[in-house]
Amino acid sequence: RDEHRVRIHALDALDYLGLAHFAERPVMGFPFATLKRIELARALARH
């Protein structure tokens, strides 16, 4: 229900891993190492 907090956590995780500038881009087409970082960001967003 706390959509604002969820979004902040997700953006913080992307920022920490240097991915914030990719936030609005579709995942398709990124190199494998970047996909690994995106998946890690998803795990970190859970705190």
ModelCIF file with pLDDT and N, C-alpha, C, O atoms, coordinates in Angstrom:
data_MODEL
#
_entry.id   MODEL 
#
_entity.id                         1 
_entity.type                       polymer 
_entity.pdbx_number_of_molecules   1 
#
_entity_poly.entity_id                      1 
_entity_poly.type                           'polypeptide(L)' 
_entity_poly.nstd_linkage                   no 
_entity_poly.nstd_monomer                   no 
_entity_poly.pdbx_seq_one_letter_code       RDEHRVRIHALDALDYLGLAHFAERPVMGFPFATLKRIELARALARH 
_entity_poly.pdbx_seq_one_letter_code_can   RDEHRVRIHALDALDYLGLAHFAERPVMGFPFATLKRIELARALARH 
_entity_poly.pdbx_strand_id                 A 
#
loop_
_entity_poly_seq.entity_id 
_entity_poly_seq.num 
_entity_poly_seq.mon_id 
_entity_poly_seq.hetero 
1 1  ARG n 
1 2  ASP n 
1 3  GLU n 
1 4  HIS n 
1 5  ARG n 
1 6  VAL n 
1 7  ARG n 
1 8  ILE n 
1 9  HIS n 
1 10 ALA n 
1 11 LEU n 
1 12 ASP n 
1 13 ALA n 
1 14 LEU n 
1 15 ASP n 
1 16 TYR n 
1 17 LEU n 
1 18 GLY n 
1 19 LEU n 
1 20 ALA n 
1 21 HIS n 
1 22 PHE n 
1 23 ALA n 
1 24 GLU n 
1 25 ARG n 
1 26 PRO n 
1 27 VAL n 
1 28 MET n 
1 29 GLY n 
1 30 PHE n 
1 31 PRO n 
1 32 PHE n 
1 33 ALA n 
1 34 THR n 
1 35 LEU n 
1 36 LYS n 
1 37 ARG n 
1 38 ILE n 
1 39 GLU n 
1 40 LEU n 
1 41 ALA n 
1 42 ARG n 
1 43 ALA n 
1 44 LEU n 
1 45 ALA n 
1 46 ARG n 
1 47 HIS n 
#
_struct_asym.id          A 
_struct_asym.entity_id   1 
#
loop_
_ma_qa_metric.id 
_ma_qa_metric.mode 
_ma_qa_metric.name 
_ma_qa_metric.software_group_id 
_ma_qa_metric.type 
1 global pLDDT . pLDDT 
2 local  pLDDT . pLDDT 
#
_ma_qa_metric_global.metric_id      1 
_ma_qa_metric_global.metric_value   89.02 
_ma_qa_metric_global.model_id       1 
_ma_qa_metric_global.ordinal_id     1 
#
loop_
_ma_qa_metric_local.label_asym_id 
_ma_qa_metric_local.label_comp_id 
_ma_qa_metric_local.label_seq_id 
_ma_qa_metric_local.metric_id 
_ma_qa_metric_local.metric_value 
_ma_qa_metric_local.model_id 
_ma_qa_metric_local.ordinal_id 
A ARG 1  2 54.00 1 1  
A ASP 2  2 70.00 1 2  
A GLU 3  2 74.00 1 3  
A HIS 4  2 77.00 1 4  
A ARG 5  2 79.00 1 5  
A VAL 6  2 82.00 1 6  
A ARG 7  2 87.00 1 7  
A ILE 8  2 87.00 1 8  
A HIS 9  2 85.00 1 9  
A ALA 10 2 90.00 1 10 
A LEU 11 2 92.00 1 11 
A ASP 12 2 92.00 1 12 
A ALA 13 2 93.00 1 13 
A LEU 14 2 95.00 1 14 
A ASP 15 2 95.00 1 15 
A TYR 16 2 94.00 1 16 
A LEU 17 2 94.00 1 17 
A GLY 18 2 94.00 1 18 
A LEU 19 2 95.00 1 19 
A ALA 20 2 94.00 1 20 
A HIS 21 2 94.00 1 21 
A PHE 22 2 95.00 1 22 
A ALA 23 2 94.00 1 23 
A GLU 24 2 95.00 1 24 
A ARG 25 2 95.00 1 25 
A PRO 26 2 94.00 1 26 
A VAL 27 2 93.00 1 27 
A MET 28 2 91.00 1 28 
A GLY 29 2 88.00 1 29 
A PHE 30 2 91.00 1 30 
A PRO 31 2 89.00 1 31 
A PHE 32 2 87.00 1 32 
A ALA 33 2 86.00 1 33 
A THR 34 2 90.00 1 34 
A LEU 35 2 91.00 1 35 
A LYS 36 2 90.00 1 36 
A ARG 37 2 91.00 1 37 
A ILE 38 2 94.00 1 38 
A GLU 39 2 93.00 1 39 
A LEU 40 2 94.00 1 40 
A ALA 41 2 94.00 1 41 
A ARG 42 2 92.00 1 42 
A ALA 43 2 91.00 1 43 
A LEU 44 2 92.00 1 44 
A ALA 45 2 88.00 1 45 
A ARG 46 2 83.00 1 46 
A HIS 47 2 86.00 1 47 
#
loop_
_atom_site.group_PDB 
_atom_site.id 
_atom_site.type_symbol 
_atom_site.label_atom_id 
_atom_site.label_alt_id 
_atom_site.label_comp_id 
_atom_site.label_asym_id 
_atom_site.label_entity_id 
_atom_site.label_seq_id 
_atom_site.pdbx_PDB_ins_code 
_atom_site.Cartn_x 
_atom_site.Cartn_y 
_atom_site.Cartn_z 
_atom_site.occupancy 
_atom_site.B_iso_or_equiv 
_atom_site.pdbx_formal_charge 
_atom_site.auth_seq_id 
_atom_site.auth_comp_id 
_atom_site.auth_asym_id 
_atom_site.auth_atom_id 
_atom_site.pdbx_PDB_model_num 
ATOM 1   N N  . ARG A 1 1  ? 0.821  -1.214 0.000   1.00 54.00 ? 1  ARG A N  1 
ATOM 2   C CA . ARG A 1 1  ? 0.000  0.000  0.000   1.00 54.00 ? 1  ARG A CA 1 
ATOM 3   C C  . ARG A 1 1  ? 0.857  1.266  0.000   1.00 54.00 ? 1  ARG A C  1 
ATOM 4   O O  . ARG A 1 1  ? 0.411  2.315  -0.464  1.00 54.00 ? 1  ARG A O  1 
ATOM 5   N N  . ASP A 1 2  ? 2.090  1.173  0.521   1.00 70.00 ? 2  ASP A N  1 
ATOM 6   C CA . ASP A 1 2  ? 2.944  2.345  0.624   1.00 70.00 ? 2  ASP A CA 1 
ATOM 7   C C  . ASP A 1 2  ? 3.731  2.510  -0.676  1.00 70.00 ? 2  ASP A C  1 
ATOM 8   O O  . ASP A 1 2  ? 4.935  2.257  -0.711  1.00 70.00 ? 2  ASP A O  1 
ATOM 9   N N  . GLU A 1 3  ? 3.043  2.939  -1.753  1.00 74.00 ? 3  GLU A N  1 
ATOM 10  C CA . GLU A 1 3  ? 3.656  2.994  -3.074  1.00 74.00 ? 3  GLU A CA 1 
ATOM 11  C C  . GLU A 1 3  ? 4.810  3.993  -3.132  1.00 74.00 ? 3  GLU A C  1 
ATOM 12  O O  . GLU A 1 3  ? 5.806  3.742  -3.811  1.00 74.00 ? 3  GLU A O  1 
ATOM 13  N N  . HIS A 1 4  ? 4.690  5.106  -2.440  1.00 77.00 ? 4  HIS A N  1 
ATOM 14  C CA . HIS A 1 4  ? 5.754  6.113  -2.457  1.00 77.00 ? 4  HIS A CA 1 
ATOM 15  C C  . HIS A 1 4  ? 7.028  5.537  -1.837  1.00 77.00 ? 4  HIS A C  1 
ATOM 16  O O  . HIS A 1 4  ? 8.118  5.710  -2.382  1.00 77.00 ? 4  HIS A O  1 
ATOM 17  N N  . ARG A 1 5  ? 6.893  4.865  -0.720  1.00 79.00 ? 5  ARG A N  1 
ATOM 18  C CA . ARG A 1 5  ? 8.059  4.290  -0.060  1.00 79.00 ? 5  ARG A CA 1 
ATOM 19  C C  . ARG A 1 5  ? 8.685  3.198  -0.926  1.00 79.00 ? 5  ARG A C  1 
ATOM 20  O O  . ARG A 1 5  ? 9.909  3.094  -1.006  1.00 79.00 ? 5  ARG A O  1 
ATOM 21  N N  . VAL A 1 6  ? 7.858  2.392  -1.567  1.00 82.00 ? 6  VAL A N  1 
ATOM 22  C CA . VAL A 1 6  ? 8.355  1.333  -2.450  1.00 82.00 ? 6  VAL A CA 1 
ATOM 23  C C  . VAL A 1 6  ? 9.196  1.943  -3.563  1.00 82.00 ? 6  VAL A C  1 
ATOM 24  O O  . VAL A 1 6  ? 10.278 1.444  -3.874  1.00 82.00 ? 6  VAL A O  1 
ATOM 25  N N  . ARG A 1 7  ? 8.707  3.010  -4.158  1.00 87.00 ? 7  ARG A N  1 
ATOM 26  C CA . ARG A 1 7  ? 9.429  3.650  -5.263  1.00 87.00 ? 7  ARG A CA 1 
ATOM 27  C C  . ARG A 1 7  ? 10.761 4.230  -4.782  1.00 87.00 ? 7  ARG A C  1 
ATOM 28  O O  . ARG A 1 7  ? 11.773 4.113  -5.472  1.00 87.00 ? 7  ARG A O  1 
ATOM 29  N N  . ILE A 1 8  ? 10.763 4.839  -3.626  1.00 87.00 ? 8  ILE A N  1 
ATOM 30  C CA . ILE A 1 8  ? 12.005 5.399  -3.072  1.00 87.00 ? 8  ILE A CA 1 
ATOM 31  C C  . ILE A 1 8  ? 13.028 4.295  -2.858  1.00 87.00 ? 8  ILE A C  1 
ATOM 32  O O  . ILE A 1 8  ? 14.197 4.459  -3.207  1.00 87.00 ? 8  ILE A O  1 
ATOM 33  N N  . HIS A 1 9  ? 12.604 3.174  -2.291  1.00 85.00 ? 9  HIS A N  1 
ATOM 34  C CA . HIS A 1 9  ? 13.522 2.055  -2.046  1.00 85.00 ? 9  HIS A CA 1 
ATOM 35  C C  . HIS A 1 9  ? 14.097 1.541  -3.364  1.00 85.00 ? 9  HIS A C  1 
ATOM 36  O O  . HIS A 1 9  ? 15.288 1.244  -3.451  1.00 85.00 ? 9  HIS A O  1 
ATOM 37  N N  . ALA A 1 10 ? 13.259 1.436  -4.380  1.00 90.00 ? 10 ALA A N  1 
ATOM 38  C CA . ALA A 1 10 ? 13.726 0.933  -5.668  1.00 90.00 ? 10 ALA A CA 1 
ATOM 39  C C  . ALA A 1 10 ? 14.736 1.891  -6.291  1.00 90.00 ? 10 ALA A C  1 
ATOM 40  O O  . ALA A 1 10 ? 15.771 1.454  -6.793  1.00 90.00 ? 10 ALA A O  1 
ATOM 41  N N  . LEU A 1 11 ? 14.448 3.186  -6.266  1.00 92.00 ? 11 LEU A N  1 
ATOM 42  C CA . LEU A 1 11 ? 15.357 4.172  -6.836  1.00 92.00 ? 11 LEU A CA 1 
ATOM 43  C C  . LEU A 1 11 ? 16.665 4.237  -6.057  1.00 92.00 ? 11 LEU A C  1 
ATOM 44  O O  . LEU A 1 11 ? 17.731 4.404  -6.648  1.00 92.00 ? 11 LEU A O  1 
ATOM 45  N N  . ASP A 1 12 ? 16.592 4.106  -4.735  1.00 92.00 ? 12 ASP A N  1 
ATOM 46  C CA . ASP A 1 12 ? 17.803 4.098  -3.917  1.00 92.00 ? 12 ASP A CA 1 
ATOM 47  C C  . ASP A 1 12 ? 18.709 2.922  -4.282  1.00 92.00 ? 12 ASP A C  1 
ATOM 48  O O  . ASP A 1 12 ? 19.927 3.069  -4.377  1.00 92.00 ? 12 ASP A O  1 
ATOM 49  N N  . ALA A 1 13 ? 18.098 1.755  -4.484  1.00 93.00 ? 13 ALA A N  1 
ATOM 50  C CA . ALA A 1 13 ? 18.886 0.578  -4.849  1.00 93.00 ? 13 ALA A CA 1 
ATOM 51  C C  . ALA A 1 13 ? 19.558 0.772  -6.201  1.00 93.00 ? 13 ALA A C  1 
ATOM 52  O O  . ALA A 1 13 ? 20.721 0.408  -6.371  1.00 93.00 ? 13 ALA A O  1 
ATOM 53  N N  . LEU A 1 14 ? 18.837 1.341  -7.164  1.00 95.00 ? 14 LEU A N  1 
ATOM 54  C CA . LEU A 1 14 ? 19.418 1.606  -8.479  1.00 95.00 ? 14 LEU A CA 1 
ATOM 55  C C  . LEU A 1 14 ? 20.543 2.630  -8.380  1.00 95.00 ? 14 LEU A C  1 
ATOM 56  O O  . LEU A 1 14 ? 21.579 2.485  -9.030  1.00 95.00 ? 14 LEU A O  1 
ATOM 57  N N  . ASP A 1 15 ? 20.343 3.655  -7.575  1.00 95.00 ? 15 ASP A N  1 
ATOM 58  C CA . ASP A 1 15 ? 21.362 4.684  -7.409  1.00 95.00 ? 15 ASP A CA 1 
ATOM 59  C C  . ASP A 1 15 ? 22.626 4.101  -6.786  1.00 95.00 ? 15 ASP A C  1 
ATOM 60  O O  . ASP A 1 15 ? 23.736 4.421  -7.212  1.00 95.00 ? 15 ASP A O  1 
ATOM 61  N N  . TYR A 1 16 ? 22.462 3.255  -5.790  1.00 94.00 ? 16 TYR A N  1 
ATOM 62  C CA . TYR A 1 16 ? 23.610 2.657  -5.105  1.00 94.00 ? 16 TYR A CA 1 
ATOM 63  C C  . TYR A 1 16 ? 24.466 1.852  -6.077  1.00 94.00 ? 16 TYR A C  1 
ATOM 64  O O  . TYR A 1 16 ? 25.692 1.845  -5.966  1.00 94.00 ? 16 TYR A O  1 
ATOM 65  N N  . LEU A 1 17 ? 23.829 1.179  -7.025  1.00 94.00 ? 17 LEU A N  1 
ATOM 66  C CA . LEU A 1 17 ? 24.548 0.331  -7.973  1.00 94.00 ? 17 LEU A CA 1 
ATOM 67  C C  . LEU A 1 17 ? 24.883 1.050  -9.281  1.00 94.00 ? 17 LEU A C  1 
ATOM 68  O O  . LEU A 1 17 ? 25.330 0.422  -10.240 1.00 94.00 ? 17 LEU A O  1 
ATOM 69  N N  . GLY A 1 18 ? 24.667 2.358  -9.317  1.00 94.00 ? 18 GLY A N  1 
ATOM 70  C CA . GLY A 1 18 ? 25.019 3.126  -10.501 1.00 94.00 ? 18 GLY A CA 1 
ATOM 71  C C  . GLY A 1 18 ? 24.110 2.906  -11.683 1.00 94.00 ? 18 GLY A C  1 
ATOM 72  O O  . GLY A 1 18 ? 24.536 3.031  -12.831 1.00 94.00 ? 18 GLY A O  1 
ATOM 73  N N  . LEU A 1 19 ? 22.837 2.573  -11.411 1.00 95.00 ? 19 LEU A N  1 
ATOM 74  C CA . LEU A 1 19 ? 21.899 2.252  -12.485 1.00 95.00 ? 19 LEU A CA 1 
ATOM 75  C C  . LEU A 1 19 ? 20.755 3.247  -12.608 1.00 95.00 ? 19 LEU A C  1 
ATOM 76  O O  . LEU A 1 19 ? 19.854 3.048  -13.423 1.00 95.00 ? 19 LEU A O  1 
ATOM 77  N N  . ALA A 1 20 ? 20.771 4.303  -11.824 1.00 94.00 ? 20 ALA A N  1 
ATOM 78  C CA . ALA A 1 20 ? 19.627 5.213  -11.780 1.00 94.00 ? 20 ALA A CA 1 
ATOM 79  C C  . ALA A 1 20 ? 19.328 5.823  -13.148 1.00 94.00 ? 20 ALA A C  1 
ATOM 80  O O  . ALA A 1 20 ? 18.164 6.061  -13.471 1.00 94.00 ? 20 ALA A O  1 
ATOM 81  N N  . HIS A 1 21 ? 20.365 6.081  -13.964 1.00 94.00 ? 21 HIS A N  1 
ATOM 82  C CA . HIS A 1 21 ? 20.137 6.705  -15.273 1.00 94.00 ? 21 HIS A CA 1 
ATOM 83  C C  . HIS A 1 21 ? 19.529 5.733  -16.275 1.00 94.00 ? 21 HIS A C  1 
ATOM 84  O O  . HIS A 1 21 ? 19.139 6.134  -17.372 1.00 94.00 ? 21 HIS A O  1 
ATOM 85  N N  . PHE A 1 22 ? 19.444 4.443  -15.903 1.00 95.00 ? 22 PHE A N  1 
ATOM 86  C CA . PHE A 1 22 ? 18.796 3.448  -16.757 1.00 95.00 ? 22 PHE A CA 1 
ATOM 87  C C  . PHE A 1 22 ? 17.359 3.163  -16.326 1.00 95.00 ? 22 PHE A C  1 
ATOM 88  O O  . PHE A 1 22 ? 16.700 2.310  -16.921 1.00 95.00 ? 22 PHE A O  1 
ATOM 89  N N  . ALA A 1 23 ? 16.867 3.853  -15.314 1.00 94.00 ? 23 ALA A N  1 
ATOM 90  C CA . ALA A 1 23 ? 15.622 3.464  -14.650 1.00 94.00 ? 23 ALA A CA 1 
ATOM 91  C C  . ALA A 1 23 ? 14.449 3.278  -15.599 1.00 94.00 ? 23 ALA A C  1 
ATOM 92  O O  . ALA A 1 23 ? 13.674 2.335  -15.435 1.00 94.00 ? 23 ALA A O  1 
ATOM 93  N N  . GLU A 1 24 ? 14.301 4.151  -16.585 1.00 95.00 ? 24 GLU A N  1 
ATOM 94  C CA . GLU A 1 24 ? 13.127 4.100  -17.453 1.00 95.00 ? 24 GLU A CA 1 
ATOM 95  C C  . GLU A 1 24 ? 13.356 3.297  -18.724 1.00 95.00 ? 24 GLU A C  1 
ATOM 96  O O  . GLU A 1 24 ? 12.443 3.173  -19.540 1.00 95.00 ? 24 GLU A O  1 
ATOM 97  N N  . ARG A 1 25 ? 14.542 2.754  -18.911 1.00 95.00 ? 25 ARG A N  1 
ATOM 98  C CA . ARG A 1 25 ? 14.821 1.972  -20.107 1.00 95.00 ? 25 ARG A CA 1 
ATOM 99  C C  . ARG A 1 25 ? 14.349 0.538  -19.946 1.00 95.00 ? 25 ARG A C  1 
ATOM 100 O O  . ARG A 1 25 ? 14.423 -0.001 -18.842 1.00 95.00 ? 25 ARG A O  1 
ATOM 101 N N  . PRO A 1 26 ? 13.869 -0.095 -20.998 1.00 94.00 ? 26 PRO A N  1 
ATOM 102 C CA . PRO A 1 26 ? 13.499 -1.506 -20.901 1.00 94.00 ? 26 PRO A CA 1 
ATOM 103 C C  . PRO A 1 26 ? 14.727 -2.363 -20.669 1.00 94.00 ? 26 PRO A C  1 
ATOM 104 O O  . PRO A 1 26 ? 15.823 -2.029 -21.119 1.00 94.00 ? 26 PRO A O  1 
ATOM 105 N N  . VAL A 1 27 ? 14.542 -3.470 -19.965 1.00 93.00 ? 27 VAL A N  1 
ATOM 106 C CA . VAL A 1 27 ? 15.650 -4.354 -19.620 1.00 93.00 ? 27 VAL A CA 1 
ATOM 107 C C  . VAL A 1 27 ? 16.263 -4.989 -20.870 1.00 93.00 ? 27 VAL A C  1 
ATOM 108 O O  . VAL A 1 27 ? 17.472 -5.214 -20.929 1.00 93.00 ? 27 VAL A O  1 
ATOM 109 N N  . MET A 1 28 ? 15.437 -5.272 -21.848 1.00 91.00 ? 28 MET A N  1 
ATOM 110 C CA . MET A 1 28 ? 15.921 -5.937 -23.056 1.00 91.00 ? 28 MET A CA 1 
ATOM 111 C C  . MET A 1 28 ? 17.056 -5.150 -23.710 1.00 91.00 ? 28 MET A C  1 
ATOM 112 O O  . MET A 1 28 ? 16.952 -3.940 -23.910 1.00 91.00 ? 28 MET A O  1 
ATOM 113 N N  . GLY A 1 29 ? 18.128 -5.847 -24.036 1.00 88.00 ? 29 GLY A N  1 
ATOM 114 C CA . GLY A 1 29 ? 19.231 -5.221 -24.744 1.00 88.00 ? 29 GLY A CA 1 
ATOM 115 C C  . GLY A 1 29 ? 20.428 -4.871 -23.888 1.00 88.00 ? 29 GLY A C  1 
ATOM 116 O O  . GLY A 1 29 ? 21.485 -4.540 -24.425 1.00 88.00 ? 29 GLY A O  1 
ATOM 117 N N  . PHE A 1 30 ? 20.295 -4.933 -22.558 1.00 91.00 ? 30 PHE A N  1 
ATOM 118 C CA . PHE A 1 30 ? 21.434 -4.635 -21.707 1.00 91.00 ? 30 PHE A CA 1 
ATOM 119 C C  . PHE A 1 30 ? 22.422 -5.802 -21.721 1.00 91.00 ? 30 PHE A C  1 
ATOM 120 O O  . PHE A 1 30 ? 22.011 -6.952 -21.876 1.00 91.00 ? 30 PHE A O  1 
ATOM 121 N N  . PRO A 1 31 ? 23.731 -5.521 -21.559 1.00 89.00 ? 31 PRO A N  1 
ATOM 122 C CA . PRO A 1 31 ? 24.701 -6.613 -21.454 1.00 89.00 ? 31 PRO A CA 1 
ATOM 123 C C  . PRO A 1 31 ? 24.470 -7.421 -20.185 1.00 89.00 ? 31 PRO A C  1 
ATOM 124 O O  . PRO A 1 31 ? 23.832 -6.960 -19.239 1.00 89.00 ? 31 PRO A O  1 
ATOM 125 N N  . PHE A 1 32 ? 25.009 -8.645 -20.190 1.00 87.00 ? 32 PHE A N  1 
ATOM 126 C CA . PHE A 1 32 ? 24.734 -9.588 -19.110 1.00 87.00 ? 32 PHE A CA 1 
ATOM 127 C C  . PHE A 1 32 ? 25.157 -9.038 -17.750 1.00 87.00 ? 32 PHE A C  1 
ATOM 128 O O  . PHE A 1 32 ? 24.430 -9.197 -16.770 1.00 87.00 ? 32 PHE A O  1 
ATOM 129 N N  . ALA A 1 33 ? 26.317 -8.394 -17.679 1.00 86.00 ? 33 ALA A N  1 
ATOM 130 C CA . ALA A 1 33 ? 26.787 -7.867 -16.394 1.00 86.00 ? 33 ALA A CA 1 
ATOM 131 C C  . ALA A 1 33 ? 25.823 -6.837 -15.828 1.00 86.00 ? 33 ALA A C  1 
ATOM 132 O O  . ALA A 1 33 ? 25.627 -6.769 -14.614 1.00 86.00 ? 33 ALA A O  1 
ATOM 133 N N  . THR A 1 34 ? 25.219 -6.031 -16.703 1.00 90.00 ? 34 THR A N  1 
ATOM 134 C CA . THR A 1 34 ? 24.241 -5.048 -16.236 1.00 90.00 ? 34 THR A CA 1 
ATOM 135 C C  . THR A 1 34 ? 22.967 -5.727 -15.760 1.00 90.00 ? 34 THR A C  1 
ATOM 136 O O  . THR A 1 34 ? 22.370 -5.301 -14.772 1.00 90.00 ? 34 THR A O  1 
ATOM 137 N N  . LEU A 1 35 ? 22.542 -6.786 -16.457 1.00 91.00 ? 35 LEU A N  1 
ATOM 138 C CA . LEU A 1 35 ? 21.362 -7.537 -16.008 1.00 91.00 ? 35 LEU A CA 1 
ATOM 139 C C  . LEU A 1 35 ? 21.590 -8.103 -14.612 1.00 91.00 ? 35 LEU A C  1 
ATOM 140 O O  . LEU A 1 35 ? 20.676 -8.125 -13.789 1.00 91.00 ? 35 LEU A O  1 
ATOM 141 N N  . LYS A 1 36 ? 22.807 -8.559 -14.348 1.00 90.00 ? 36 LYS A N  1 
ATOM 142 C CA . LYS A 1 36 ? 23.132 -9.072 -13.013 1.00 90.00 ? 36 LYS A CA 1 
ATOM 143 C C  . LYS A 1 36 ? 22.972 -7.975 -11.961 1.00 90.00 ? 36 LYS A C  1 
ATOM 144 O O  . LYS A 1 36 ? 22.444 -8.218 -10.876 1.00 90.00 ? 36 LYS A O  1 
ATOM 145 N N  . ARG A 1 37 ? 23.428 -6.775 -12.287 1.00 91.00 ? 37 ARG A N  1 
ATOM 146 C CA . ARG A 1 37 ? 23.294 -5.666 -11.340 1.00 91.00 ? 37 ARG A CA 1 
ATOM 147 C C  . ARG A 1 37 ? 21.839 -5.283 -11.126 1.00 91.00 ? 37 ARG A C  1 
ATOM 148 O O  . ARG A 1 37 ? 21.445 -4.936 -10.012 1.00 91.00 ? 37 ARG A O  1 
ATOM 149 N N  . ILE A 1 38 ? 21.036 -5.344 -12.184 1.00 94.00 ? 38 ILE A N  1 
ATOM 150 C CA . ILE A 1 38 ? 19.609 -5.024 -12.042 1.00 94.00 ? 38 ILE A CA 1 
ATOM 151 C C  . ILE A 1 38 ? 18.943 -6.027 -11.105 1.00 94.00 ? 38 ILE A C  1 
ATOM 152 O O  . ILE A 1 38 ? 18.145 -5.648 -10.247 1.00 94.00 ? 38 ILE A O  1 
ATOM 153 N N  . GLU A 1 39 ? 19.272 -7.303 -11.272 1.00 93.00 ? 39 GLU A N  1 
ATOM 154 C CA . GLU A 1 39 ? 18.695 -8.300 -10.384 1.00 93.00 ? 39 GLU A CA 1 
ATOM 155 C C  . GLU A 1 39 ? 19.155 -8.088 -8.943  1.00 93.00 ? 39 GLU A C  1 
ATOM 156 O O  . GLU A 1 39 ? 18.378 -8.272 -8.006  1.00 93.00 ? 39 GLU A O  1 
ATOM 157 N N  . LEU A 1 40 ? 20.415 -7.700 -8.769  1.00 94.00 ? 40 LEU A N  1 
ATOM 158 C CA . LEU A 1 40 ? 20.905 -7.401 -7.429  1.00 94.00 ? 40 LEU A CA 1 
ATOM 159 C C  . LEU A 1 40 ? 20.168 -6.202 -6.840  1.00 94.00 ? 40 LEU A C  1 
ATOM 160 O O  . LEU A 1 40 ? 19.833 -6.197 -5.656  1.00 94.00 ? 40 LEU A O  1 
ATOM 161 N N  . ALA A 1 41 ? 19.917 -5.186 -7.664  1.00 94.00 ? 41 ALA A N  1 
ATOM 162 C CA . ALA A 1 41 ? 19.162 -4.022 -7.182  1.00 94.00 ? 41 ALA A CA 1 
ATOM 163 C C  . ALA A 1 41 ? 17.777 -4.434 -6.717  1.00 94.00 ? 41 ALA A C  1 
ATOM 164 O O  . ALA A 1 41 ? 17.278 -3.927 -5.712  1.00 94.00 ? 41 ALA A O  1 
ATOM 165 N N  . ARG A 1 42 ? 17.153 -5.356 -7.449  1.00 92.00 ? 42 ARG A N  1 
ATOM 166 C CA . ARG A 1 42 ? 15.828 -5.833 -7.057  1.00 92.00 ? 42 ARG A CA 1 
ATOM 167 C C  . ARG A 1 42 ? 15.876 -6.498 -5.686  1.00 92.00 ? 42 ARG A C  1 
ATOM 168 O O  . ARG A 1 42 ? 14.973 -6.310 -4.870  1.00 92.00 ? 42 ARG A O  1 
ATOM 169 N N  . ALA A 1 43 ? 16.926 -7.273 -5.432  1.00 91.00 ? 43 ALA A N  1 
ATOM 170 C CA . ALA A 1 43 ? 17.056 -7.905 -4.122  1.00 91.00 ? 43 ALA A CA 1 
ATOM 171 C C  . ALA A 1 43 ? 17.325 -6.872 -3.032  1.00 91.00 ? 43 ALA A C  1 
ATOM 172 O O  . ALA A 1 43 ? 16.775 -6.974 -1.935  1.00 91.00 ? 43 ALA A O  1 
ATOM 173 N N  . LEU A 1 44 ? 18.165 -5.877 -3.324  1.00 92.00 ? 44 LEU A N  1 
ATOM 174 C CA . LEU A 1 44 ? 18.486 -4.853 -2.329  1.00 92.00 ? 44 LEU A CA 1 
ATOM 175 C C  . LEU A 1 44 ? 17.293 -3.966 -2.005  1.00 92.00 ? 44 LEU A C  1 
ATOM 176 O O  . LEU A 1 44 ? 17.199 -3.439 -0.896  1.00 92.00 ? 44 LEU A O  1 
ATOM 177 N N  . ALA A 1 45 ? 16.381 -3.796 -2.956  1.00 88.00 ? 45 ALA A N  1 
ATOM 178 C CA . ALA A 1 45 ? 15.224 -2.937 -2.735  1.00 88.00 ? 45 ALA A CA 1 
ATOM 179 C C  . ALA A 1 45 ? 14.308 -3.467 -1.644  1.00 88.00 ? 45 ALA A C  1 
ATOM 180 O O  . ALA A 1 45 ? 13.469 -2.734 -1.119  1.00 88.00 ? 45 ALA A O  1 
ATOM 181 N N  . ARG A 1 46 ? 14.467 -4.739 -1.303  1.00 83.00 ? 46 ARG A N  1 
ATOM 182 C CA . ARG A 1 46 ? 13.680 -5.306 -0.205  1.00 83.00 ? 46 ARG A CA 1 
ATOM 183 C C  . ARG A 1 46 ? 14.234 -4.922 1.164   1.00 83.00 ? 46 ARG A C  1 
ATOM 184 O O  . ARG A 1 46 ? 13.617 -5.206 2.191   1.00 83.00 ? 46 ARG A O  1 
ATOM 185 N N  . HIS A 1 47 ? 15.409 -4.269 1.174   1.00 86.00 ? 47 HIS A N  1 
ATOM 186 C CA . HIS A 1 47 ? 16.100 -3.954 2.420   1.00 86.00 ? 47 HIS A CA 1 
ATOM 187 C C  . HIS A 1 47 ? 16.319 -5.221 3.256   1.00 86.00 ? 47 HIS A C  1 
ATOM 188 O O  . HIS A 1 47 ? 16.889 -5.151 4.345   1.00 86.00 ? 47 HIS A O  1 
#
